[in-house]
């Protein structure tokens, strides 16, 4: 199949100046990028991109489609905003590796972040087994996978709160090597999530040394993005310095308006990395609110031993009192979401059962009013009844910080979207929002730089070969959009709205969006490194 996209403005993903031209593709590859009038020739299909930008398909470096793909392999929320490649396995907790004896508690732990799939064969055990299921399933976008630290720790030493011995660390290193050799893009961790949070810096350095062997990054939701963010960043910098591994901060931000004064010091630490030669990058979604599993509001000790033990503690009235006390008074080094967002700034986005559907869209304060009880008790009841499978949105930050981080050379765009229920609007709109609101309207970035931060930059950071640029020989992952009309439409009250202005999206040369509508094709591939 030979295709021509003609008469558009070419932005090739390198950051170089745009030019008028056309793109020729044959089967799954780009064969030519031409300047000037459309080339002559015979093509099976021609797309006229007059007035539009032709650019590489966008790469979402922080995605949570890990299980959704087995229910909806088209992932229309992503392809309709121009995304042609997703990176799964985020925050240190995902599908694989997964020893058979831990399937039940791990599914409960994972459900609040990535959902659940009842009819999936969960006995895949390793990353290779999981990726084979993804390959058999098929998808519209391409899918890469990070090896999650929590899964590695679970296989190596279990779910209990313990410091790893030398033997434990060697075992985890072997597990990580096995799964990187199966094609993992790097190691992810979420140091606010259990069991990742039980690890110390020594453990992280040991695992990062394996990443350095493969020259693949540590992708990290750091231990604090709020009160202790400076100490947290120093810890991460130590990991990079001592191991030689590349460091990629997930969803980089400063949480809590009370922490606004730390912003400049955070920038100083990024400059410190540059001066020391530590390779650092980060991704960002363009909103002042975040989204994760509601269970993160619980103090760390509540999670000790896994989700089944968490649920038992939620059923204990005396332990509930201790939870409230710890949330109200704080624990040093713990990111206390209630402190920096407030009960009225945290909203339920998704639940597992129909009996609590009325909680979706309610703040924790409103949830208390709805249930006729204290908001803490109402929240604990919800988590217990839903077996911890509850999603949330939290309002945490300042608009000027969003723009400031966006301009940094280390930054690339992501969605970090949880896909169930009434999700954060970033699921549907992150990339269109950067192109429309921040590049065109607010002039925070040039259009060529914005496109680079969605294409060539993330491909470079994650060493994704032959994607991210418009270049002969590269895979034909292509997005066509109108720079004058592109915009995100989702809001926090009505988030499930596709953006305007994206007309065509091709993955491996096959159309997944044509004239703004999903085609039903699933030409995506699992990218094994």
Protein backbone atom coordinates (compact mmCIF):
# COMPACT_ATOMS: atom_id res chain seq x y z
CA UNK A 1 0.00 0.00 0.00
CA UNK A 2 1.49 3.31 -1.13
CA UNK A 3 0.14 6.50 0.44
CA UNK A 4 0.75 10.20 -0.08
CA UNK A 5 -0.02 12.97 2.41
CA UNK A 6 0.39 16.20 0.44
CA UNK A 7 0.30 19.98 0.62
CA UNK A 8 0.85 20.22 4.37
CA UNK A 9 3.28 21.93 6.71
CA UNK A 10 5.96 19.41 7.62
CA UNK A 11 7.16 19.46 11.25
CA UNK A 12 9.52 16.51 11.39
CA UNK A 13 10.03 16.13 15.15
CA UNK A 14 13.67 17.26 15.24
CA UNK A 15 12.90 20.81 16.29
CA UNK A 16 14.03 22.14 12.91
CA UNK A 17 12.00 24.77 11.08
CA UNK A 18 8.72 23.75 9.46
CA UNK A 19 8.37 23.71 5.67
CA UNK A 20 5.68 23.08 3.07
CA UNK A 21 5.79 19.60 1.66
CA UNK A 22 4.51 16.06 1.40
CA UNK A 23 5.07 12.62 2.89
CA UNK A 24 5.25 9.34 0.97
CA UNK A 25 4.70 6.01 2.74
CA UNK A 26 4.85 2.45 1.51
CA UNK A 27 3.39 -0.27 3.71
CA UNK A 28 4.64 0.46 7.25
CA UNK A 29 7.53 2.82 6.42
CA UNK A 30 8.15 6.38 5.33
CA UNK A 31 9.92 6.37 1.98
CA UNK A 32 10.26 10.10 1.28
CA UNK A 33 9.74 13.54 2.81
CA UNK A 34 9.60 16.17 0.07
CA UNK A 35 9.54 19.98 0.07
CA UNK A 36 7.47 22.11 -2.29
CA UNK A 37 4.59 20.98 -4.52
CA UNK A 38 3.18 17.47 -4.20
CA UNK A 39 5.29 14.89 -6.07
CA UNK A 40 3.94 13.18 -9.16
CA UNK A 41 3.25 9.47 -9.08
CA UNK A 42 0.61 6.79 -8.59
CA UNK A 43 -0.63 6.19 -5.07
CA UNK A 44 -3.20 3.86 -3.56
CA UNK A 45 -4.40 6.69 -1.34
CA UNK A 46 -3.86 10.45 -1.22
CA UNK A 47 -4.60 12.70 1.75
CA UNK A 48 -4.73 16.45 1.14
CA UNK A 49 -3.33 18.18 4.25
CA UNK A 50 -3.75 21.73 2.96
CA UNK A 51 -3.73 24.13 5.92
CA UNK A 52 -2.66 21.39 8.30
CA UNK A 53 0.52 20.13 9.97
CA UNK A 54 2.00 16.75 9.06
CA UNK A 55 4.12 15.47 11.96
CA UNK A 56 5.24 12.24 13.63
CA UNK A 57 2.68 10.41 15.72
CA UNK A 58 2.74 11.44 19.36
CA UNK A 59 4.41 9.27 22.03
CA UNK A 60 2.67 9.07 25.41
CA UNK A 61 5.47 8.28 27.85
CA UNK A 62 3.16 7.71 30.84
CA UNK A 63 0.10 5.62 30.07
CA UNK A 64 -2.17 3.32 32.08
CA UNK A 65 -3.77 1.25 29.30
CA UNK A 66 -2.06 -1.93 30.58
CA UNK A 67 -5.32 -3.80 31.23
CA UNK A 68 -7.82 -1.65 29.34
CA UNK A 69 -6.28 -2.90 26.09
CA UNK A 70 -7.82 -6.31 26.72
CA UNK A 71 -11.26 -4.67 26.85
CA UNK A 72 -10.77 -1.95 24.22
CA UNK A 73 -7.78 -2.43 21.97
CA UNK A 74 -8.55 0.73 19.97
CA UNK A 75 -7.93 3.10 22.94
CA UNK A 76 -9.78 5.85 21.11
CA UNK A 77 -9.08 8.37 23.88
CA UNK A 78 -5.42 8.18 22.85
CA UNK A 79 -5.52 7.82 19.06
CA UNK A 80 -8.08 10.60 18.64
CA UNK A 81 -5.51 13.01 20.17
CA UNK A 82 -2.79 11.83 17.80
CA UNK A 83 -1.01 9.30 20.05
CA UNK A 84 0.55 6.44 18.11
CA UNK A 85 2.75 4.92 20.85
CA UNK A 86 2.12 4.43 24.57
CA UNK A 87 4.55 3.37 27.31
CA UNK A 88 2.92 1.10 29.89
CA UNK A 89 4.15 -0.38 33.18
CA UNK A 90 4.20 2.91 35.06
CA UNK A 91 4.59 3.89 38.73
CA UNK A 92 6.17 0.59 39.74
CA UNK A 93 2.92 -1.38 39.77
CA UNK A 94 1.52 -3.07 36.69
CA UNK A 95 0.62 -6.45 35.27
CA UNK A 96 3.95 -8.26 35.07
CA UNK A 97 5.95 -9.98 36.37
CA UNK A 98 3.31 -11.67 38.52
CA UNK A 99 3.92 -14.91 40.43
CA UNK A 100 0.80 -17.09 40.45
CA UNK A 101 0.56 -17.13 44.26
CA UNK A 102 0.17 -13.31 44.32
CA UNK A 103 -2.50 -12.96 41.61
CA UNK A 104 -5.41 -12.29 43.99
CA UNK A 105 -3.87 -9.60 46.25
CA UNK A 106 -2.03 -7.98 43.34
CA UNK A 107 -5.15 -7.58 41.22
CA UNK A 108 -6.77 -5.73 44.13
CA UNK A 109 -3.69 -3.54 44.55
CA UNK A 110 -3.60 -2.73 40.85
CA UNK A 111 -7.31 -2.15 40.32
CA UNK A 112 -7.40 1.45 41.57
CA UNK A 113 -4.71 2.47 39.07
CA UNK A 114 -5.16 0.28 35.99
CA UNK A 115 -8.55 -1.37 36.56
CA UNK A 116 -9.17 -5.11 36.33
CA UNK A 117 -10.05 -7.73 33.71
CA UNK A 118 -12.04 -10.75 34.86
CA UNK A 119 -11.66 -12.97 31.81
CA UNK A 120 -7.90 -12.46 31.34
CA UNK A 121 -5.63 -15.47 31.84
CA UNK A 122 -3.59 -14.05 34.71
CA UNK A 123 -1.08 -16.91 34.76
CA UNK A 124 1.38 -15.22 32.38
CA UNK A 125 3.99 -14.98 35.21
CA UNK A 126 6.67 -12.92 33.45
CA UNK A 127 6.92 -9.79 31.34
CA UNK A 128 7.51 -11.96 28.30
CA UNK A 129 4.24 -13.78 29.03
CA UNK A 130 2.33 -10.53 29.40
CA UNK A 131 3.79 -9.04 26.22
CA UNK A 132 2.82 -12.18 24.30
CA UNK A 133 -0.78 -11.65 25.45
CA UNK A 134 -0.60 -8.03 24.26
CA UNK A 135 0.80 -9.14 20.90
CA UNK A 136 -1.99 -11.69 20.46
CA UNK A 137 -4.61 -9.13 21.51
CA UNK A 138 -3.50 -6.37 19.13
CA UNK A 139 -3.94 -2.62 19.59
CA UNK A 140 -4.42 0.57 17.61
CA UNK A 141 -1.35 2.32 19.09
CA UNK A 142 2.07 0.76 19.54
CA UNK A 143 2.79 -0.38 23.10
CA UNK A 144 6.06 -0.35 25.03
CA UNK A 145 6.47 -1.62 28.59
CA UNK A 146 8.54 -0.60 31.60
CA UNK A 147 9.41 -3.24 34.20
CA UNK A 148 7.59 -2.25 37.42
CA UNK A 149 9.70 -2.20 40.58
CA UNK A 150 6.78 -3.31 42.79
CA UNK A 151 6.25 -6.42 40.69
CA UNK A 152 9.97 -7.21 40.76
CA UNK A 153 10.02 -6.74 44.54
CA UNK A 154 6.91 -8.88 44.97
CA UNK A 155 8.49 -11.75 43.03
CA UNK A 156 11.81 -11.33 44.80
CA UNK A 157 10.86 -10.78 48.45
CA UNK A 158 7.05 -10.53 48.74
CA UNK A 159 4.69 -7.75 49.80
CA UNK A 160 5.83 -7.17 53.38
CA UNK A 161 7.52 -4.01 54.63
CA UNK A 162 11.13 -5.13 54.91
CA UNK A 163 14.57 -3.95 53.89
CA UNK A 164 16.14 -6.15 51.24
CA UNK A 165 19.21 -8.18 52.16
CA UNK A 166 22.17 -8.51 49.79
CA UNK A 167 20.66 -11.80 48.61
CA UNK A 168 17.28 -10.15 48.07
CA UNK A 169 18.84 -7.39 45.98
CA UNK A 170 20.76 -9.89 43.86
CA UNK A 171 17.53 -11.82 43.28
CA UNK A 172 15.67 -8.66 42.21
CA UNK A 173 18.53 -7.71 39.91
CA UNK A 174 18.25 -11.11 38.19
CA UNK A 175 14.48 -10.70 37.78
CA UNK A 176 14.96 -7.24 36.29
CA UNK A 177 17.64 -8.49 33.88
CA UNK A 178 15.36 -11.31 32.74
CA UNK A 179 12.51 -8.92 31.98
CA UNK A 180 14.67 -6.24 30.36
CA UNK A 181 16.03 -8.97 28.10
CA UNK A 182 12.40 -9.77 27.21
CA UNK A 183 12.08 -6.25 25.81
CA UNK A 184 11.33 -3.92 28.73
CA UNK A 185 12.04 -0.24 28.05
CA UNK A 186 13.44 0.41 31.51
CA UNK A 187 12.49 0.20 35.19
CA UNK A 188 9.60 2.13 36.71
CA UNK A 189 8.95 2.82 40.36
CA UNK A 190 6.37 4.69 42.40
CA UNK A 191 7.86 5.42 45.79
CA UNK A 192 4.48 6.41 47.24
CA UNK A 193 2.94 3.06 46.25
CA UNK A 194 3.34 -0.22 48.08
CA UNK A 195 5.49 -2.28 47.96
CA UNK A 196 7.83 0.17 46.15
CA UNK A 197 7.72 2.55 49.11
CA UNK A 198 9.31 -0.08 51.34
CA UNK A 199 12.58 0.15 49.40
CA UNK A 200 15.54 2.21 50.51
CA UNK A 201 18.02 4.15 48.38
CA UNK A 202 20.46 1.22 48.46
CA UNK A 203 17.88 -1.04 46.83
CA UNK A 204 17.09 1.51 44.15
CA UNK A 205 20.78 2.01 43.32
CA UNK A 206 21.23 -1.76 42.96
CA UNK A 207 18.36 -1.95 40.48
CA UNK A 208 19.49 1.18 38.66
CA UNK A 209 22.86 -0.47 38.06
CA UNK A 210 21.03 -3.11 36.01
CA UNK A 211 19.31 -0.32 34.06
CA UNK A 212 22.75 1.16 33.38
CA UNK A 213 23.94 -2.20 32.03
CA UNK A 214 21.20 -1.98 29.38
CA UNK A 215 21.38 1.83 29.07
CA UNK A 216 17.69 2.06 29.90
CA UNK A 217 16.14 4.63 32.25
CA UNK A 218 14.74 4.57 35.73
CA UNK A 219 11.27 6.12 35.38
CA UNK A 220 10.32 7.36 38.81
CA UNK A 221 7.33 8.69 40.67
CA UNK A 222 9.56 10.09 43.36
CA UNK A 223 9.06 9.65 47.09
CA UNK A 224 7.67 13.17 47.50
CA UNK A 225 6.29 15.76 45.12
CA UNK A 226 5.22 18.00 48.00
CA UNK A 227 6.72 18.99 51.37
CA UNK A 228 9.84 16.83 51.00
CA UNK A 229 10.34 17.27 47.26
CA UNK A 230 13.84 18.70 47.59
CA UNK A 231 15.07 15.81 49.74
CA UNK A 232 13.28 13.42 47.39
CA UNK A 233 15.01 14.87 44.33
CA UNK A 234 18.38 14.63 46.09
CA UNK A 235 17.70 10.94 46.67
CA UNK A 236 16.86 10.40 43.00
CA UNK A 237 19.96 12.32 41.93
CA UNK A 238 22.00 10.03 44.18
CA UNK A 239 20.48 7.02 42.40
CA UNK A 240 21.59 8.40 39.05
CA UNK A 241 25.02 9.45 40.27
CA UNK A 242 25.84 6.15 42.02
CA UNK A 243 24.48 3.85 39.30
CA UNK A 244 25.14 5.72 36.04
CA UNK A 245 21.53 5.13 34.96
CA UNK A 246 19.40 7.67 33.11
CA UNK A 247 16.70 9.24 35.30
CA UNK A 248 13.23 10.14 34.03
CA UNK A 249 10.87 11.81 36.52
CA UNK A 250 7.22 10.88 36.02
CA UNK A 251 4.55 13.63 35.90
CA UNK A 252 6.95 16.27 37.24
CA UNK A 253 5.37 18.92 39.48
CA UNK A 254 5.37 20.65 42.85
CA UNK A 255 2.29 19.67 44.88
CA UNK A 256 0.58 22.03 47.29
CA UNK A 257 0.32 25.79 47.05
CA UNK A 258 2.09 25.84 50.42
CA UNK A 259 5.14 24.46 48.57
CA UNK A 260 5.25 27.11 45.84
CA UNK A 261 8.45 28.53 47.30
CA UNK A 262 10.25 25.26 46.45
CA UNK A 263 9.78 25.73 42.69
CA UNK A 264 12.98 27.72 42.09
CA UNK A 265 14.99 25.27 44.19
CA UNK A 266 13.62 22.40 42.13
CA UNK A 267 14.90 24.14 39.00
CA UNK A 268 18.29 24.57 40.68
CA UNK A 269 18.45 20.80 41.25
CA UNK A 270 17.76 20.18 37.56
CA UNK A 271 20.65 22.48 36.73
CA UNK A 272 22.80 20.62 39.26
CA UNK A 273 22.16 17.39 37.35
CA UNK A 274 23.19 19.04 34.12
CA UNK A 275 26.41 20.34 35.70
CA UNK A 276 27.28 16.88 37.06
CA UNK A 277 26.52 15.10 33.79
CA UNK A 278 23.63 13.12 35.29
CA UNK A 279 21.18 12.34 32.49
CA UNK A 280 17.77 13.60 33.61
CA UNK A 281 14.45 14.07 31.82
CA UNK A 282 10.80 14.27 32.86
CA UNK A 283 7.29 14.10 31.49
CA UNK A 284 4.37 16.36 32.34
CA UNK A 285 0.64 16.61 31.77
CA UNK A 286 -0.62 20.20 31.24
CA UNK A 287 -3.05 20.58 34.16
CA UNK A 288 -3.00 21.83 37.76
CA UNK A 289 -4.74 18.67 38.99
CA UNK A 290 -3.50 15.10 39.18
CA UNK A 291 -5.10 11.68 39.27
CA UNK A 292 -4.30 8.37 40.93
CA UNK A 293 -5.86 5.71 43.15
CA UNK A 294 -7.77 7.02 46.18
CA UNK A 295 -5.94 4.61 48.47
CA UNK A 296 -2.88 6.90 48.44
CA UNK A 297 -4.59 9.13 51.00
CA UNK A 298 -4.09 6.36 53.58
CA UNK A 299 -0.93 6.42 55.70
CA UNK A 300 1.84 4.08 54.50
CA UNK A 301 1.46 1.59 57.35
CA UNK A 302 -2.12 0.84 56.25
CA UNK A 303 -0.75 -0.73 53.05
CA UNK A 304 1.78 -3.01 54.75
CA UNK A 305 1.46 -6.60 53.52
CA UNK A 306 -0.81 -5.92 50.55
CA UNK A 307 -4.41 -5.05 49.78
CA UNK A 308 -6.05 -7.85 51.78
CA UNK A 309 -4.38 -6.57 54.96
CA UNK A 310 -5.27 -2.98 54.01
CA UNK A 311 -8.93 -3.96 53.81
CA UNK A 312 -8.75 -5.70 57.19
CA UNK A 313 -7.34 -2.52 58.75
CA UNK A 314 -10.10 -0.42 57.16
CA UNK A 315 -12.58 -2.67 58.98
CA UNK A 316 -11.04 -1.91 62.38
CA UNK A 317 -12.64 1.12 64.13
CA UNK A 318 -9.61 1.80 66.32
CA UNK A 319 -7.22 1.72 63.35
CA UNK A 320 -9.51 4.11 61.49
CA UNK A 321 -9.01 6.61 64.31
CA UNK A 322 -5.24 6.22 63.97
CA UNK A 323 -5.53 6.76 60.19
CA UNK A 324 -7.42 10.02 60.72
CA UNK A 325 -4.87 11.18 63.31
CA UNK A 326 -1.95 10.47 60.93
CA UNK A 327 -3.69 12.23 58.04
CA UNK A 328 -4.51 15.26 60.20
CA UNK A 329 -1.06 15.55 61.82
CA UNK A 330 1.10 14.15 58.99
CA UNK A 331 4.02 11.72 58.85
CA UNK A 332 7.47 13.05 57.99
CA UNK A 333 8.44 12.25 54.40
CA UNK A 334 4.95 11.05 53.41
CA UNK A 335 3.07 12.87 50.65
CA UNK A 336 -0.22 13.63 52.40
CA UNK A 337 -2.73 14.26 49.63
CA UNK A 338 -5.39 15.54 52.05
CA UNK A 339 -2.94 18.14 53.36
CA UNK A 340 -2.04 19.63 49.97
CA UNK A 341 -5.36 19.19 48.14
CA UNK A 342 -7.93 19.18 50.96
CA UNK A 343 -10.97 16.95 51.36
CA UNK A 344 -12.85 19.35 49.10
CA UNK A 345 -10.11 19.19 46.45
CA UNK A 346 -10.10 15.39 46.02
CA UNK A 347 -12.82 13.91 43.78
CA UNK A 348 -13.84 10.28 43.16
CA UNK A 349 -13.43 9.35 39.48
CA UNK A 350 -14.11 5.61 39.34
CA UNK A 351 -15.42 2.68 41.40
CA UNK A 352 -15.70 -1.05 40.72
CA UNK A 353 -19.31 -1.79 41.74
CA UNK A 354 -22.65 -0.27 40.79
CA UNK A 355 -23.68 0.34 44.41
CA UNK A 356 -21.23 3.22 44.73
CA UNK A 357 -21.63 4.78 41.28
CA UNK A 358 -23.28 7.76 42.96
CA UNK A 359 -19.91 8.64 44.50
CA UNK A 360 -18.34 9.37 41.10
CA UNK A 361 -17.74 13.08 40.62
CA UNK A 362 -18.12 13.84 44.33
CA UNK A 363 -15.42 15.44 46.47
CA UNK A 364 -14.61 13.64 49.72
CA UNK A 365 -16.46 16.40 51.55
CA UNK A 366 -19.50 15.86 49.31
CA UNK A 367 -19.17 12.10 49.77
CA UNK A 368 -19.54 12.59 53.53
CA UNK A 369 -22.65 14.70 52.98
CA UNK A 370 -24.05 12.10 50.56
CA UNK A 371 -23.55 9.29 53.08
CA UNK A 372 -24.61 11.37 56.10
CA UNK A 373 -21.35 10.86 57.98
CA UNK A 374 -17.87 12.23 58.58
CA UNK A 375 -16.00 12.47 55.22
CA UNK A 376 -13.16 10.29 56.53
CA UNK A 377 -15.58 7.54 57.56
CA UNK A 378 -17.41 7.81 54.24
CA UNK A 379 -14.10 7.56 52.36
CA UNK A 380 -12.90 4.57 54.41
CA UNK A 381 -16.27 2.86 53.81
CA UNK A 382 -15.95 3.47 50.08
CA UNK A 383 -12.43 2.03 49.90
CA UNK A 384 -13.48 -1.01 51.93
CA UNK A 385 -16.63 -1.70 49.91
CA UNK A 386 -14.77 -1.28 46.61
CA UNK A 387 -11.75 -3.33 47.77
CA UNK A 388 -9.50 -0.29 47.19
CA UNK A 389 -10.46 -0.08 43.48
CA UNK A 390 -11.29 3.64 43.54
CA UNK A 391 -9.79 6.39 41.38
CA UNK A 392 -9.46 10.06 42.23
CA UNK A 393 -8.56 13.55 40.92
CA UNK A 394 -6.74 15.98 43.20
CA UNK A 395 -6.17 19.71 42.68
CA UNK A 396 -2.62 20.49 43.75
CA UNK A 397 -0.74 23.18 41.83
CA UNK A 398 -0.16 26.53 40.16
CA UNK A 399 -0.58 27.40 36.48
CA UNK A 400 2.72 29.31 36.32
CA UNK A 401 4.58 26.19 37.42
CA UNK A 402 2.91 24.13 34.69
CA UNK A 403 4.15 26.60 32.08
CA UNK A 404 7.59 26.90 33.62
CA UNK A 405 8.24 23.15 33.65
CA UNK A 406 6.83 22.88 30.12
CA UNK A 407 9.54 25.20 28.81
CA UNK A 408 12.35 23.15 30.32
CA UNK A 409 14.56 21.22 27.85
CA UNK A 410 14.13 18.04 29.92
CA UNK A 411 10.34 17.98 29.41
CA UNK A 412 8.14 15.85 27.19
CA UNK A 413 4.33 15.54 27.15
CA UNK A 414 2.32 12.68 28.65
CA UNK A 415 -1.26 11.89 29.67
CA UNK A 416 -0.84 9.77 32.82
CA UNK A 417 -4.50 9.02 32.27
CA UNK A 418 -6.50 6.53 34.36
CA UNK A 419 -9.14 5.35 31.94
CA UNK A 420 -12.15 4.22 33.97
CA UNK A 421 -15.30 6.00 35.16
CA UNK A 422 -15.22 9.79 35.05
CA UNK A 423 -11.49 10.28 34.46
CA UNK A 424 -9.16 13.24 34.52
CA UNK A 425 -9.59 15.18 31.22
CA UNK A 426 -5.88 14.59 30.47
CA UNK A 427 -6.87 11.11 29.24
CA UNK A 428 -8.54 12.73 26.23
CA UNK A 429 -6.80 16.06 25.88
CA UNK A 430 -3.18 16.41 27.07
CA UNK A 431 -1.51 16.62 23.64
CA UNK A 432 -4.18 18.80 22.04
CA UNK A 433 -4.09 21.09 25.10
CA UNK A 434 -0.35 21.70 24.74
CA UNK A 435 -0.70 22.44 21.02
CA UNK A 436 -3.76 24.66 21.38
CA UNK A 437 -3.77 26.34 24.79
CA UNK A 438 -0.05 26.49 25.51
CA UNK A 439 1.63 26.74 22.10
CA UNK A 440 -0.88 28.65 19.95
CA UNK A 441 -2.77 30.71 22.53
CA UNK A 442 -0.31 31.34 25.38
CA UNK A 443 2.89 31.23 23.27
CA UNK A 444 4.61 29.16 25.97
CA UNK A 445 6.26 27.04 23.26
CA UNK A 446 6.81 27.36 19.54
CA UNK A 447 4.81 24.89 17.48
CA UNK A 448 7.96 23.08 16.32
CA UNK A 449 9.20 22.75 19.91
CA UNK A 450 5.81 21.53 21.13
CA UNK A 451 5.77 18.84 18.44
CA UNK A 452 9.34 17.85 19.29
CA UNK A 453 8.34 17.37 22.95
CA UNK A 454 5.65 14.93 21.76
CA UNK A 455 7.70 13.01 19.19
CA UNK A 456 11.46 13.20 18.71
CA UNK A 457 12.23 14.08 22.32
CA UNK A 458 10.46 11.11 23.97
CA UNK A 459 11.78 8.73 21.29
CA UNK A 460 15.29 9.94 22.13
CA UNK A 461 14.82 9.64 25.91
CA UNK A 462 13.47 6.08 25.68
CA UNK A 463 15.75 5.03 22.80
CA UNK A 464 12.78 4.05 20.62
CA UNK A 465 14.34 3.28 17.27
CA UNK A 466 12.88 4.44 13.95
CA UNK A 467 9.96 6.29 15.50
CA UNK A 468 9.39 9.89 16.58
CA UNK A 469 10.66 11.57 13.39
CA UNK A 470 9.48 11.99 9.81
CA UNK A 471 12.44 10.44 8.08
CA UNK A 472 12.86 7.87 5.26
CA UNK A 473 13.15 4.38 6.69
CA UNK A 474 11.26 5.27 9.86
CA UNK A 475 7.94 3.64 10.72
CA UNK A 476 4.98 5.52 9.31
CA UNK A 477 3.49 6.77 12.59
CA UNK A 478 1.93 10.07 11.50
CA UNK A 479 -0.47 12.66 12.90
CA UNK A 480 -2.15 15.40 10.84
CA UNK A 481 -3.73 18.35 12.68
CA UNK A 482 -4.99 21.87 12.08
CA UNK A 483 -2.87 24.29 14.16
CA UNK A 484 -5.59 26.95 14.04
CA UNK A 485 -8.39 24.80 15.47
CA UNK A 486 -6.74 22.12 17.57
CA UNK A 487 -7.96 22.25 21.18
CA UNK A 488 -8.89 20.00 24.08
CA UNK A 489 -12.57 19.85 25.02
CA UNK A 490 -12.72 17.77 28.19
CA UNK A 491 -13.44 19.41 31.53
CA UNK A 492 -13.30 18.04 35.07
CA UNK A 493 -17.09 17.81 35.11
CA UNK A 494 -17.37 16.41 31.55
CA UNK A 495 -13.97 14.87 30.74
CA UNK A 496 -14.77 12.23 28.13
CA UNK A 497 -14.62 14.53 25.10
CA UNK A 498 -12.28 14.09 22.17
CA UNK A 499 -10.28 17.12 20.99
CA UNK A 500 -10.94 19.14 17.86
CA UNK A 501 -8.52 19.66 15.00
CA UNK A 502 -6.94 16.21 14.53
CA UNK A 503 -7.95 14.80 11.17
CA UNK A 504 -5.69 11.83 10.42
CA UNK A 505 -3.61 9.41 12.48
CA UNK A 506 -1.64 6.52 10.99
CA UNK A 507 0.18 3.77 12.89
CA UNK A 508 2.73 1.67 11.00
CA UNK A 509 1.30 3.11 7.78
CA UNK A 510 -2.31 2.11 8.49
CA UNK A 511 -5.03 4.70 9.29
CA UNK A 512 -6.50 4.54 12.79
CA UNK A 513 -8.21 7.95 12.49
CA UNK A 514 -9.51 9.28 9.16
CA UNK A 515 -11.28 12.63 8.83
CA UNK A 516 -11.50 12.78 12.62
CA UNK A 517 -13.19 9.38 12.99
CA UNK A 518 -11.82 6.10 14.31
CA UNK A 519 -11.37 3.48 11.59
CA UNK A 520 -11.44 0.35 13.78
CA UNK A 521 -7.96 -0.70 12.60
CA UNK A 522 -5.52 -2.09 15.16
CA UNK A 523 -2.11 -2.00 13.43
CA UNK A 524 -0.10 -1.23 16.58
CA UNK A 525 2.84 -3.38 17.63
CA UNK A 526 4.43 -4.27 20.93
CA UNK A 527 7.80 -2.52 20.94
CA UNK A 528 10.36 -4.83 22.50
CA UNK A 529 13.71 -3.20 23.10
